[in-house]
């Protein structure tokens, strides 16, 4: 399953790599919102997918901080 593979990949990364991944995802979300506002975005479901990926990254970061 695609999501499970994504989460397993995140769990194998270090805290610095996760922070870089989080920054990249937030930049992508900003760009998608900008494209949506200017009616240039074709696939609006990508916004939802990126938001959930951000949440997954933040979850893994907090799990690693607790451990």
PDB file of N, CA and C in Angstrom:
ATOM      1  N   UNK A   1       0.836  -1.184   0.000  1.00  0.00           N
ATOM      2  CA  UNK A   1       0.000   0.000   0.000  1.00  0.00           C
ATOM      3  C   UNK A   1       0.880   1.246   0.000  1.00  0.00           C
ATOM      4  N   UNK A   2       0.477   2.257  -0.714  1.00  0.00           N
ATOM      5  CA  UNK A   2       1.292   3.443  -0.903  1.00  0.00           C
ATOM      6  C   UNK A   2       1.512   4.207   0.407  1.00  0.00           C
ATOM      7  N   UNK A   3       0.464   4.384   1.204  1.00  0.00           N
ATOM      8  CA  UNK A   3       0.589   5.155   2.442  1.00  0.00           C
ATOM      9  C   UNK A   3       1.485   4.452   3.434  1.00  0.00           C
ATOM     10  N   UNK A   4       1.337   3.155   3.539  1.00  0.00           N
ATOM     11  CA  UNK A   4       2.149   2.385   4.472  1.00  0.00           C
ATOM     12  C   UNK A   4       3.624   2.489   4.115  1.00  0.00           C
ATOM     13  N   UNK A   5       3.930   2.427   2.833  1.00  0.00           N
ATOM     14  CA  UNK A   5       5.317   2.565   2.379  1.00  0.00           C
ATOM     15  C   UNK A   5       5.859   3.954   2.704  1.00  0.00           C
ATOM     16  N   UNK A   6       5.017   4.973   2.535  1.00  0.00           N
ATOM     17  CA  UNK A   6       5.426   6.347   2.828  1.00  0.00           C
ATOM     18  C   UNK A   6       5.768   6.492   4.313  1.00  0.00           C
ATOM     19  N   UNK A   7       4.929   5.937   5.180  1.00  0.00           N
ATOM     20  CA  UNK A   7       5.155   6.047   6.625  1.00  0.00           C
ATOM     21  C   UNK A   7       6.395   5.260   7.036  1.00  0.00           C
ATOM     22  N   UNK A   8       6.587   4.081   6.477  1.00  0.00           N
ATOM     23  CA  UNK A   8       7.783   3.288   6.794  1.00  0.00           C
ATOM     24  C   UNK A   8       9.048   4.022   6.357  1.00  0.00           C
ATOM     25  N   UNK A   9       8.962   4.691   5.210  1.00  0.00           N
ATOM     26  CA  UNK A   9      10.099   5.472   4.733  1.00  0.00           C
ATOM     27  C   UNK A   9      10.390   6.623   5.687  1.00  0.00           C
ATOM     28  N   UNK A  10       9.343   7.262   6.197  1.00  0.00           N
ATOM     29  CA  UNK A  10       9.524   8.367   7.141  1.00  0.00           C
ATOM     30  C   UNK A  10      10.157   7.894   8.444  1.00  0.00           C
ATOM     31  N   UNK A  11       9.738   6.736   8.914  1.00  0.00           N
ATOM     32  CA  UNK A  11      10.240   6.230  10.187  1.00  0.00           C
ATOM     33  C   UNK A  11      11.725   5.890  10.125  1.00  0.00           C
ATOM     34  N   UNK A  12      12.228   5.632   8.926  1.00  0.00           N
ATOM     35  CA  UNK A  12      13.641   5.278   8.787  1.00  0.00           C
ATOM     36  C   UNK A  12      14.544   6.511   8.662  1.00  0.00           C
ATOM     37  N   UNK A  13      13.956   7.706   8.569  1.00  0.00           N
ATOM     38  CA  UNK A  13      14.739   8.928   8.390  1.00  0.00           C
ATOM     39  C   UNK A  13      15.094   9.550   9.736  1.00  0.00           C
ATOM     40  N   UNK A  14      16.144  10.368   9.717  1.00  0.00           N
ATOM     41  CA  UNK A  14      16.572  11.076  10.926  1.00  0.00           C
ATOM     42  C   UNK A  14      15.696  12.311  11.133  1.00  0.00           C
ATOM     43  N   UNK A  15      15.865  12.958  12.281  1.00  0.00           N
ATOM     44  CA  UNK A  15      15.062  14.137  12.613  1.00  0.00           C
ATOM     45  C   UNK A  15      15.331  15.280  11.631  1.00  0.00           C
ATOM     46  N   UNK A  16      16.583  15.462  11.236  1.00  0.00           N
ATOM     47  CA  UNK A  16      16.926  16.536  10.293  1.00  0.00           C
ATOM     48  C   UNK A  16      16.289  16.284   8.927  1.00  0.00           C
ATOM     49  N   UNK A  17      16.326  15.034   8.490  1.00  0.00           N
ATOM     50  CA  UNK A  17      15.711  14.694   7.202  1.00  0.00           C
ATOM     51  C   UNK A  17      14.198  14.894   7.253  1.00  0.00           C
ATOM     52  N   UNK A  18      13.600  14.554   8.385  1.00  0.00           N
ATOM     53  CA  UNK A  18      12.157  14.746   8.532  1.00  0.00           C
ATOM     54  C   UNK A  18      11.800  16.228   8.506  1.00  0.00           C
ATOM     55  N   UNK A  19      12.614  17.056   9.143  1.00  0.00           N
ATOM     56  CA  UNK A  19      12.356  18.500   9.122  1.00  0.00           C
ATOM     57  C   UNK A  19      12.481  19.053   7.713  1.00  0.00           C
ATOM     58  N   UNK A  20      13.459  18.566   6.958  1.00  0.00           N
ATOM     59  CA  UNK A  20      13.593  18.998   5.558  1.00  0.00           C
ATOM     60  C   UNK A  20      12.396  18.562   4.738  1.00  0.00           C
ATOM     61  N   UNK A  21      11.927  17.360   4.979  1.00  0.00           N
ATOM     62  CA  UNK A  21      10.752  16.838   4.280  1.00  0.00           C
ATOM     63  C   UNK A  21       9.510  17.667   4.622  1.00  0.00           C
ATOM     64  N   UNK A  22       9.402  18.061   5.885  1.00  0.00           N
ATOM     65  CA  UNK A  22       8.268  18.873   6.336  1.00  0.00           C
ATOM     66  C   UNK A  22       8.277  20.250   5.672  1.00  0.00           C
ATOM     67  N   UNK A  23       9.436  20.857   5.600  1.00  0.00           N
ATOM     68  CA  UNK A  23       9.554  22.172   4.956  1.00  0.00           C
ATOM     69  C   UNK A  23       9.179  22.073   3.478  1.00  0.00           C
ATOM     70  N   UNK A  24       9.652  21.029   2.822  1.00  0.00           N
ATOM     71  CA  UNK A  24       9.338  20.848   1.399  1.00  0.00           C
ATOM     72  C   UNK A  24       7.843  20.643   1.181  1.00  0.00           C
ATOM     73  N   UNK A  25       7.207  19.872   2.055  1.00  0.00           N
ATOM     74  CA  UNK A  25       5.772  19.623   1.937  1.00  0.00           C
ATOM     75  C   UNK A  25       4.970  20.901   2.176  1.00  0.00           C
ATOM     76  N   UNK A  26       5.407  21.714   3.128  1.00  0.00           N
ATOM     77  CA  UNK A  26       4.705  22.974   3.392  1.00  0.00           C
ATOM     78  C   UNK A  26       4.852  23.945   2.226  1.00  0.00           C
ATOM     79  N   UNK A  27       6.027  23.958   1.589  1.00  0.00           N
ATOM     80  CA  UNK A  27       6.214  24.798   0.404  1.00  0.00           C
ATOM     81  C   UNK A  27       5.305  24.329  -0.733  1.00  0.00           C
ATOM     82  N   UNK A  28       5.218  23.007  -0.889  1.00  0.00           N
ATOM     83  CA  UNK A  28       4.354  22.460  -1.934  1.00  0.00           C
ATOM     84  C   UNK A  28       2.901  22.830  -1.674  1.00  0.00           C
ATOM     85  N   UNK A  29       2.471  22.748  -0.416  1.00  0.00           N
ATOM     86  CA  UNK A  29       1.104  23.109  -0.067  1.00  0.00           C
ATOM     87  C   UNK A  29       0.836  24.579  -0.366  1.00  0.00           C
ATOM     88  N   UNK A  30       1.791  25.439  -0.036  1.00  0.00           N
ATOM     89  CA  UNK A  30       1.639  26.863  -0.347  1.00  0.00           C
ATOM     90  C   UNK A  30       1.472  27.078  -1.846  1.00  0.00           C
ATOM     91  N   UNK A  31       2.318  26.418  -2.637  1.00  0.00           N
ATOM     92  CA  UNK A  31       2.233  26.565  -4.092  1.00  0.00           C
ATOM     93  C   UNK A  31       0.903  26.042  -4.629  1.00  0.00           C
ATOM     94  N   UNK A  32       0.431  24.933  -4.074  1.00  0.00           N
ATOM     95  CA  UNK A  32      -0.855  24.391  -4.523  1.00  0.00           C
ATOM     96  C   UNK A  32      -1.999  25.339  -4.192  1.00  0.00           C
ATOM     97  N   UNK A  33      -1.961  25.925  -3.001  1.00  0.00           N
ATOM     98  CA  UNK A  33      -3.013  26.879  -2.624  1.00  0.00           C
ATOM     99  C   UNK A  33      -2.970  28.108  -3.518  1.00  0.00           C
ATOM    100  N   UNK A  34      -1.776  28.540  -3.855  1.00  0.00           N
ATOM    101  CA  UNK A  34      -1.623  29.700  -4.734  1.00  0.00           C
ATOM    102  C   UNK A  34      -2.185  29.386  -6.120  1.00  0.00           C
ATOM    103  N   UNK A  35      -1.869  28.210  -6.640  1.00  0.00           N
ATOM    104  CA  UNK A  35      -2.386  27.802  -7.950  1.00  0.00           C
ATOM    105  C   UNK A  35      -3.902  27.679  -7.914  1.00  0.00           C
ATOM    106  N   UNK A  36      -4.442  27.185  -6.802  1.00  0.00           N
ATOM    107  CA  UNK A  36      -5.884  27.035  -6.680  1.00  0.00           C
ATOM    108  C   UNK A  36      -6.569  28.400  -6.668  1.00  0.00           C
ATOM    109  N   UNK A  37      -5.962  29.356  -6.004  1.00  0.00           N
ATOM    110  CA  UNK A  37      -6.544  30.691  -5.924  1.00  0.00           C
ATOM    111  C   UNK A  37      -6.549  31.387  -7.281  1.00  0.00           C
ATOM    112  N   UNK A  38      -5.571  31.061  -8.120  1.00  0.00           N
ATOM    113  CA  UNK A  38      -5.498  31.685  -9.441  1.00  0.00           C
ATOM    114  C   UNK A  38      -6.104  30.795 -10.533  1.00  0.00           C
ATOM    115  N   UNK A  39      -6.822  29.775 -10.128  1.00  0.00           N
ATOM    116  CA  UNK A  39      -7.512  28.851 -11.041  1.00  0.00           C
ATOM    117  C   UNK A  39      -6.565  28.156 -12.017  1.00  0.00           C
ATOM    118  N   UNK A  40      -5.367  27.832 -11.563  1.00  0.00           N
ATOM    119  CA  UNK A  40      -4.408  27.113 -12.401  1.00  0.00           C
ATOM    120  C   UNK A  40      -4.258  25.661 -11.974  1.00  0.00           C
ATOM    121  N   UNK A  41      -4.895  25.279 -10.888  1.00  0.00           N
ATOM    122  CA  UNK A  41      -4.721  23.935 -10.353  1.00  0.00           C
ATOM    123  C   UNK A  41      -5.731  22.989 -10.986  1.00  0.00           C
ATOM    124  N   UNK A  42      -5.226  21.897 -11.588  1.00  0.00           N
ATOM    125  CA  UNK A  42      -6.097  20.924 -12.223  1.00  0.00           C
ATOM    126  C   UNK A  42      -6.567  19.862 -11.229  1.00  0.00           C
ATOM    127  N   UNK A  43      -5.633  19.363 -10.419  1.00  0.00           N
ATOM    128  CA  UNK A  43      -5.939  18.273  -9.499  1.00  0.00           C
ATOM    129  C   UNK A  43      -6.059  18.833  -8.078  1.00  0.00           C
ATOM    130  N   UNK A  44      -7.272  19.218  -7.692  1.00  0.00           N
ATOM    131  CA  UNK A  44      -7.465  19.829  -6.375  1.00  0.00           C
ATOM    132  C   UNK A  44      -7.342  18.819  -5.245  1.00  0.00           C
ATOM    133  N   UNK A  45      -7.444  17.544  -5.522  1.00  0.00           N
ATOM    134  CA  UNK A  45      -7.310  16.537  -4.465  1.00  0.00           C
ATOM    135  C   UNK A  45      -5.871  16.438  -3.970  1.00  0.00           C
ATOM    136  N   UNK A  46      -4.947  16.992  -4.714  1.00  0.00           N
ATOM    137  CA  UNK A  46      -3.538  16.982  -4.299  1.00  0.00           C
ATOM    138  C   UNK A  46      -3.340  17.801  -3.015  1.00  0.00           C
ATOM    139  N   UNK A  47      -4.150  18.852  -2.830  1.00  0.00           N
ATOM    140  CA  UNK A  47      -4.066  19.668  -1.610  1.00  0.00           C
ATOM    141  C   UNK A  47      -4.352  18.797  -0.392  1.00  0.00           C
ATOM    142  N   UNK A  48      -5.396  18.007  -0.464  1.00  0.00           N
ATOM    143  CA  UNK A  48      -5.765  17.120   0.645  1.00  0.00           C
ATOM    144  C   UNK A  48      -4.669  16.100   0.918  1.00  0.00           C
ATOM    145  N   UNK A  49      -4.102  15.563  -0.143  1.00  0.00           N
ATOM    146  CA  UNK A  49      -3.040  14.566  -0.006  1.00  0.00           C
ATOM    147  C   UNK A  49      -1.799  15.158   0.667  1.00  0.00           C
ATOM    148  N   UNK A  50      -1.415  16.360   0.276  1.00  0.00           N
ATOM    149  CA  UNK A  50      -0.238  17.006   0.853  1.00  0.00           C
ATOM    150  C   UNK A  50      -0.489  17.354   2.321  1.00  0.00           C
ATOM    151  N   UNK A  51      -1.698  17.808   2.644  1.00  0.00           N
ATOM    152  CA  UNK A  51      -2.026  18.122   4.037  1.00  0.00           C
ATOM    153  C   UNK A  51      -1.909  16.882   4.916  1.00  0.00           C
ATOM    154  N   UNK A  52      -2.373  15.764   4.409  1.00  0.00           N
ATOM    155  CA  UNK A  52      -2.281  14.524   5.176  1.00  0.00           C
ATOM    156  C   UNK A  52      -0.835  14.055   5.303  1.00  0.00           C
ATOM    157  N   UNK A  53      -0.033  14.265   4.265  1.00  0.00           N
ATOM    158  CA  UNK A  53       1.383  13.905   4.341  1.00  0.00           C
ATOM    159  C   UNK A  53       2.098  14.765   5.378  1.00  0.00           C
ATOM    160  N   UNK A  54       1.741  16.040   5.458  1.00  0.00           N
ATOM    161  CA  UNK A  54       2.321  16.919   6.477  1.00  0.00           C
ATOM    162  C   UNK A  54       1.978  16.386   7.863  1.00  0.00           C
ATOM    163  N   UNK A  55       0.735  15.980   8.056  1.00  0.00           N
ATOM    164  CA  UNK A  55       0.312  15.434   9.345  1.00  0.00           C
ATOM    165  C   UNK A  55       1.071  14.147   9.666  1.00  0.00           C
ATOM    166  N   UNK A  56       1.290  13.315   8.660  1.00  0.00           N
ATOM    167  CA  UNK A  56       2.035  12.073   8.876  1.00  0.00           C
ATOM    168  C   UNK A  56       3.475  12.375   9.290  1.00  0.00           C
ATOM    169  N   UNK A  57       4.090  13.342   8.628  1.00  0.00           N
ATOM    170  CA  UNK A  57       5.470  13.710   8.958  1.00  0.00           C
ATOM    171  C   UNK A  57       5.544  14.234  10.384  1.00  0.00           C
ATOM    172  N   UNK A  58       4.607  15.104  10.756  1.00  0.00           N
ATOM    173  CA  UNK A  58       4.596  15.656  12.107  1.00  0.00           C
ATOM    174  C   UNK A  58       4.366  14.572  13.148  1.00  0.00           C
ATOM    175  N   UNK A  59       3.550  13.585  12.825  1.00  0.00           N
ATOM    176  CA  UNK A  59       3.304  12.481  13.742  1.00  0.00           C
ATOM    177  C   UNK A  59       4.572  11.682  13.981  1.00  0.00           C
ATOM    178  N   UNK A  60       5.306  11.383  12.913  1.00  0.00           N
ATOM    179  CA  UNK A  60       6.542  10.625  13.051  1.00  0.00           C
ATOM    180  C   UNK A  60       7.578  11.420  13.847  1.00  0.00           C
ATOM    181  N   UNK A  61       7.632  12.735  13.611  1.00  0.00           N
ATOM    182  CA  UNK A  61       8.562  13.584  14.371  1.00  0.00           C
ATOM    183  C   UNK A  61       8.229  13.535  15.860  1.00  0.00           C
ATOM    184  N   UNK A  62       6.948  13.627  16.205  1.00  0.00           N
ATOM    185  CA  UNK A  62       6.578  13.601  17.622  1.00  0.00           C
ATOM    186  C   UNK A  62       6.791  12.222  18.232  1.00  0.00           C
ATOM    187  N   UNK A  63       6.584  11.170  17.464  1.00  0.00           N
ATOM    188  CA  UNK A  63       6.845   9.810  17.964  1.00  0.00           C
ATOM    189  C   UNK A  63       8.328   9.631  18.272  1.00  0.00           C
ATOM    190  N   UNK A  64       9.195  10.138  17.401  1.00  0.00           N
ATOM    191  CA  UNK A  64      10.628  10.029  17.623  1.00  0.00           C
ATOM    192  C   UNK A  64      11.078  10.877  18.804  1.00  0.00           C
ATOM    193  N   UNK A  65      10.412  12.003  19.016  1.00  0.00           N
ATOM    194  CA  UNK A  65      10.777  12.864  20.146  1.00  0.00           C
ATOM    195  C   UNK A  65      10.414  12.193  21.472  1.00  0.00           C
ATOM    196  N   UNK A  66       9.295  11.475  21.494  1.00  0.00           N
ATOM    197  CA  UNK A  66       8.881  10.781  22.720  1.00  0.00           C
ATOM    198  C   UNK A  66       9.760   9.603  23.053  1.00  0.00           C
ATOM    199  N   UNK A  67      10.308   8.973  22.018  1.00  0.00           N
ATOM    200  CA  UNK A  67      11.118   7.761  22.236  1.00  0.00           C
ATOM    201  C   UNK A  67      12.511   8.078  22.734  1.00  0.00           C
TER     202      UNK A  67
END
